[in-house]
N, C-alpha and C. Protein backbone atom coordinates (compact mmCIF):
# COMPACT_ATOMS: atom_id res chain seq x y z
N MET A 1 -4.68 -8.12 -6.95
CA MET A 1 -5.51 -7.36 -7.83
C MET A 1 -6.15 -8.29 -8.87
N ARG A 2 -5.41 -9.29 -9.23
CA ARG A 2 -5.90 -10.22 -10.25
C ARG A 2 -7.19 -10.90 -9.79
N GLU A 3 -7.27 -11.30 -8.52
CA GLU A 3 -8.44 -12.03 -8.03
C GLU A 3 -9.71 -11.20 -8.04
N ILE A 4 -9.60 -9.89 -7.97
CA ILE A 4 -10.79 -9.04 -7.94
C ILE A 4 -11.02 -8.31 -9.26
N GLY A 5 -10.27 -8.71 -10.29
CA GLY A 5 -10.49 -8.15 -11.62
C GLY A 5 -9.89 -6.78 -11.84
N LEU A 6 -8.91 -6.39 -11.04
CA LEU A 6 -8.31 -5.07 -11.17
C LEU A 6 -6.84 -5.12 -11.58
N ARG A 7 -6.42 -6.22 -12.15
CA ARG A 7 -5.01 -6.39 -12.49
C ARG A 7 -4.46 -5.26 -13.35
N ASP A 8 -5.23 -4.84 -14.35
CA ASP A 8 -4.77 -3.79 -15.27
C ASP A 8 -5.48 -2.46 -15.04
N ALA A 9 -6.10 -2.31 -13.87
CA ALA A 9 -6.87 -1.10 -13.58
C ALA A 9 -5.95 0.11 -13.36
N GLU A 10 -6.50 1.27 -13.63
CA GLU A 10 -5.78 2.51 -13.37
C GLU A 10 -5.71 2.76 -11.86
N ASP A 11 -4.73 3.56 -11.47
CA ASP A 11 -4.52 3.84 -10.05
C ASP A 11 -5.77 4.36 -9.35
N ALA A 12 -6.51 5.24 -10.01
CA ALA A 12 -7.71 5.82 -9.38
C ALA A 12 -8.75 4.75 -9.08
N VAL A 13 -8.87 3.77 -9.94
CA VAL A 13 -9.84 2.69 -9.73
C VAL A 13 -9.41 1.83 -8.54
N ILE A 14 -8.12 1.52 -8.47
CA ILE A 14 -7.58 0.73 -7.36
C ILE A 14 -7.76 1.50 -6.05
N TRP A 15 -7.45 2.79 -6.09
CA TRP A 15 -7.59 3.66 -4.91
C TRP A 15 -9.02 3.64 -4.40
N ASP A 16 -9.96 3.85 -5.31
CA ASP A 16 -11.37 3.90 -4.92
C ASP A 16 -11.85 2.56 -4.37
N TYR A 17 -11.42 1.47 -4.99
CA TYR A 17 -11.82 0.14 -4.52
C TYR A 17 -11.30 -0.09 -3.11
N ALA A 18 -10.02 0.21 -2.89
CA ALA A 18 -9.41 0.01 -1.56
C ALA A 18 -10.11 0.87 -0.51
N ALA A 19 -10.38 2.11 -0.84
CA ALA A 19 -11.05 3.01 0.11
C ALA A 19 -12.45 2.50 0.44
N LYS A 20 -13.16 2.09 -0.56
CA LYS A 20 -14.55 1.66 -0.39
C LYS A 20 -14.66 0.36 0.42
N HIS A 21 -13.65 -0.51 0.30
CA HIS A 21 -13.71 -1.83 0.93
C HIS A 21 -12.82 -1.97 2.16
N GLY A 22 -12.21 -0.88 2.62
CA GLY A 22 -11.41 -0.91 3.84
C GLY A 22 -10.06 -1.57 3.71
N PHE A 23 -9.48 -1.53 2.52
CA PHE A 23 -8.16 -2.12 2.30
C PHE A 23 -7.07 -1.07 2.35
N ALA A 24 -5.87 -1.49 2.70
CA ALA A 24 -4.67 -0.67 2.52
C ALA A 24 -4.05 -1.09 1.19
N ILE A 25 -3.26 -0.21 0.61
CA ILE A 25 -2.55 -0.53 -0.62
C ILE A 25 -1.08 -0.69 -0.29
N VAL A 26 -0.52 -1.83 -0.64
CA VAL A 26 0.91 -2.09 -0.49
C VAL A 26 1.49 -2.01 -1.90
N THR A 27 2.45 -1.09 -2.10
CA THR A 27 2.88 -0.81 -3.46
C THR A 27 4.34 -0.36 -3.51
N LYS A 28 4.93 -0.51 -4.69
CA LYS A 28 6.23 0.07 -4.98
C LYS A 28 6.05 1.31 -5.87
N ASP A 29 4.84 1.60 -6.25
CA ASP A 29 4.49 2.66 -7.19
C ASP A 29 4.46 4.03 -6.50
N ALA A 30 5.31 4.93 -6.93
CA ALA A 30 5.38 6.27 -6.35
C ALA A 30 4.12 7.08 -6.61
N ASP A 31 3.34 6.72 -7.61
CA ASP A 31 2.10 7.45 -7.88
C ASP A 31 1.14 7.36 -6.70
N PHE A 32 1.10 6.22 -6.03
CA PHE A 32 0.24 6.08 -4.86
C PHE A 32 0.74 6.93 -3.70
N ARG A 33 2.05 7.08 -3.59
CA ARG A 33 2.62 7.97 -2.56
C ARG A 33 2.11 9.38 -2.78
N GLN A 34 2.19 9.86 -4.00
CA GLN A 34 1.73 11.21 -4.31
C GLN A 34 0.23 11.35 -4.07
N ARG A 35 -0.54 10.37 -4.49
CA ARG A 35 -1.99 10.41 -4.29
C ARG A 35 -2.32 10.48 -2.79
N SER A 36 -1.55 9.75 -1.99
CA SER A 36 -1.76 9.75 -0.55
C SER A 36 -1.50 11.14 0.05
N PHE A 37 -0.45 11.81 -0.43
CA PHE A 37 -0.14 13.15 0.06
C PHE A 37 -1.25 14.14 -0.30
N VAL A 38 -1.83 13.98 -1.47
CA VAL A 38 -2.86 14.91 -1.93
C VAL A 38 -4.22 14.61 -1.31
N LEU A 39 -4.58 13.32 -1.26
CA LEU A 39 -5.94 12.94 -0.85
C LEU A 39 -6.06 12.45 0.59
N GLY A 40 -4.95 12.10 1.22
CA GLY A 40 -5.02 11.53 2.57
C GLY A 40 -5.57 10.11 2.53
N HIS A 41 -6.18 9.71 3.60
CA HIS A 41 -6.73 8.35 3.63
C HIS A 41 -8.18 8.37 4.04
N PRO A 42 -8.95 7.35 3.80
CA PRO A 42 -8.55 6.05 3.27
C PRO A 42 -8.32 6.10 1.76
N PRO A 43 -7.63 5.13 1.23
CA PRO A 43 -6.97 4.02 1.90
C PRO A 43 -5.59 4.43 2.40
N LYS A 44 -5.09 3.63 3.31
CA LYS A 44 -3.72 3.82 3.78
C LYS A 44 -2.77 3.21 2.75
N ILE A 45 -1.56 3.77 2.69
CA ILE A 45 -0.56 3.31 1.74
C ILE A 45 0.67 2.80 2.48
N VAL A 46 1.10 1.60 2.14
CA VAL A 46 2.38 1.05 2.59
C VAL A 46 3.26 1.04 1.35
N TRP A 47 4.26 1.93 1.35
CA TRP A 47 5.11 2.12 0.17
C TRP A 47 6.40 1.34 0.36
N LEU A 48 6.63 0.38 -0.50
CA LEU A 48 7.83 -0.45 -0.44
C LEU A 48 8.96 0.22 -1.21
N ARG A 49 10.00 0.56 -0.49
CA ARG A 49 11.16 1.22 -1.11
C ARG A 49 12.22 0.18 -1.40
N LEU A 50 11.97 -0.59 -2.43
CA LEU A 50 12.89 -1.63 -2.88
C LEU A 50 13.14 -1.45 -4.36
N GLY A 51 14.33 -1.78 -4.78
CA GLY A 51 14.61 -1.77 -6.21
C GLY A 51 14.05 -3.04 -6.84
N ASN A 52 14.65 -3.44 -7.91
CA ASN A 52 14.27 -4.68 -8.56
C ASN A 52 14.51 -5.83 -7.59
N CYS A 53 13.49 -6.61 -7.30
CA CYS A 53 13.64 -7.67 -6.32
C CYS A 53 12.61 -8.77 -6.58
N SER A 54 12.80 -9.86 -5.92
CA SER A 54 11.90 -11.01 -6.08
C SER A 54 10.71 -10.90 -5.13
N THR A 55 9.71 -11.69 -5.42
CA THR A 55 8.55 -11.77 -4.55
C THR A 55 8.97 -12.27 -3.17
N THR A 56 9.93 -13.18 -3.13
CA THR A 56 10.43 -13.70 -1.85
C THR A 56 11.07 -12.59 -1.03
N GLU A 57 11.81 -11.70 -1.67
CA GLU A 57 12.42 -10.58 -0.95
C GLU A 57 11.35 -9.63 -0.40
N ILE A 58 10.31 -9.40 -1.16
CA ILE A 58 9.21 -8.56 -0.68
C ILE A 58 8.53 -9.23 0.50
N GLU A 59 8.27 -10.51 0.40
CA GLU A 59 7.65 -11.24 1.51
C GLU A 59 8.51 -11.16 2.77
N THR A 60 9.81 -11.35 2.63
CA THR A 60 10.72 -11.28 3.76
C THR A 60 10.68 -9.91 4.42
N LEU A 61 10.69 -8.86 3.61
CA LEU A 61 10.62 -7.50 4.14
C LEU A 61 9.31 -7.28 4.89
N LEU A 62 8.20 -7.65 4.29
CA LEU A 62 6.90 -7.44 4.93
C LEU A 62 6.80 -8.22 6.23
N ARG A 63 7.29 -9.44 6.25
CA ARG A 63 7.24 -10.24 7.48
C ARG A 63 8.13 -9.62 8.56
N SER A 64 9.29 -9.10 8.17
CA SER A 64 10.20 -8.52 9.16
C SER A 64 9.66 -7.21 9.73
N ARG A 65 8.79 -6.55 9.00
CA ARG A 65 8.22 -5.27 9.45
C ARG A 65 6.75 -5.39 9.84
N ALA A 66 6.27 -6.61 10.04
CA ALA A 66 4.85 -6.85 10.32
C ALA A 66 4.34 -6.05 11.51
N ALA A 67 5.10 -5.99 12.59
CA ALA A 67 4.65 -5.25 13.78
C ALA A 67 4.50 -3.76 13.46
N ASP A 68 5.44 -3.20 12.72
CA ASP A 68 5.37 -1.78 12.34
C ASP A 68 4.15 -1.53 11.45
N ILE A 69 3.91 -2.43 10.52
CA ILE A 69 2.78 -2.29 9.61
C ILE A 69 1.46 -2.39 10.37
N GLU A 70 1.36 -3.34 11.28
CA GLU A 70 0.14 -3.48 12.08
C GLU A 70 -0.12 -2.23 12.92
N GLU A 71 0.93 -1.69 13.51
CA GLU A 71 0.80 -0.46 14.31
C GLU A 71 0.33 0.70 13.44
N PHE A 72 0.92 0.82 12.26
CA PHE A 72 0.52 1.86 11.31
C PHE A 72 -0.95 1.73 10.93
N LEU A 73 -1.38 0.53 10.60
CA LEU A 73 -2.75 0.31 10.18
C LEU A 73 -3.76 0.62 11.29
N ALA A 74 -3.34 0.42 12.53
CA ALA A 74 -4.22 0.67 13.67
C ALA A 74 -4.31 2.16 14.04
N ASP A 75 -3.37 2.96 13.60
CA ASP A 75 -3.32 4.39 13.93
C ASP A 75 -4.21 5.17 12.97
N GLU A 76 -5.28 5.72 13.48
CA GLU A 76 -6.26 6.41 12.63
C GLU A 76 -5.74 7.74 12.06
N GLN A 77 -4.66 8.26 12.60
CA GLN A 77 -4.10 9.53 12.12
C GLN A 77 -3.14 9.37 10.96
N LYS A 78 -2.49 8.23 10.87
CA LYS A 78 -1.46 8.03 9.85
C LYS A 78 -2.07 7.49 8.56
N SER A 79 -1.52 7.96 7.44
CA SER A 79 -2.05 7.51 6.16
C SER A 79 -0.99 6.90 5.25
N PHE A 80 0.29 7.02 5.63
CA PHE A 80 1.37 6.62 4.72
C PHE A 80 2.54 6.06 5.53
N LEU A 81 3.05 4.91 5.08
CA LEU A 81 4.18 4.28 5.75
C LEU A 81 5.20 3.86 4.70
N ILE A 82 6.45 4.22 4.91
CA ILE A 82 7.55 3.77 4.05
C ILE A 82 8.17 2.54 4.69
N VAL A 83 8.30 1.49 3.91
CA VAL A 83 8.93 0.26 4.38
C VAL A 83 10.12 -0.01 3.48
N SER A 84 11.30 -0.11 4.09
CA SER A 84 12.51 -0.38 3.31
C SER A 84 13.44 -1.31 4.05
């Protein structure tokens, strides 16, 4: 988010940017989960169900679930994926 100037942006701004530019949102924020249930997609949401953890732990989780995430992103019907 920092690279595109949205580091401190509100959720709605991030949501709109991701939808407009074809991005998925990978987040630990439950607000995006709720927004996904209400609005559907785009954008797709990958919700990380982790407690307090390091960036390395998040990277490890994402790498270990890469195939599942890729399958989810390719499925035009699905809008939300829980990764834990």
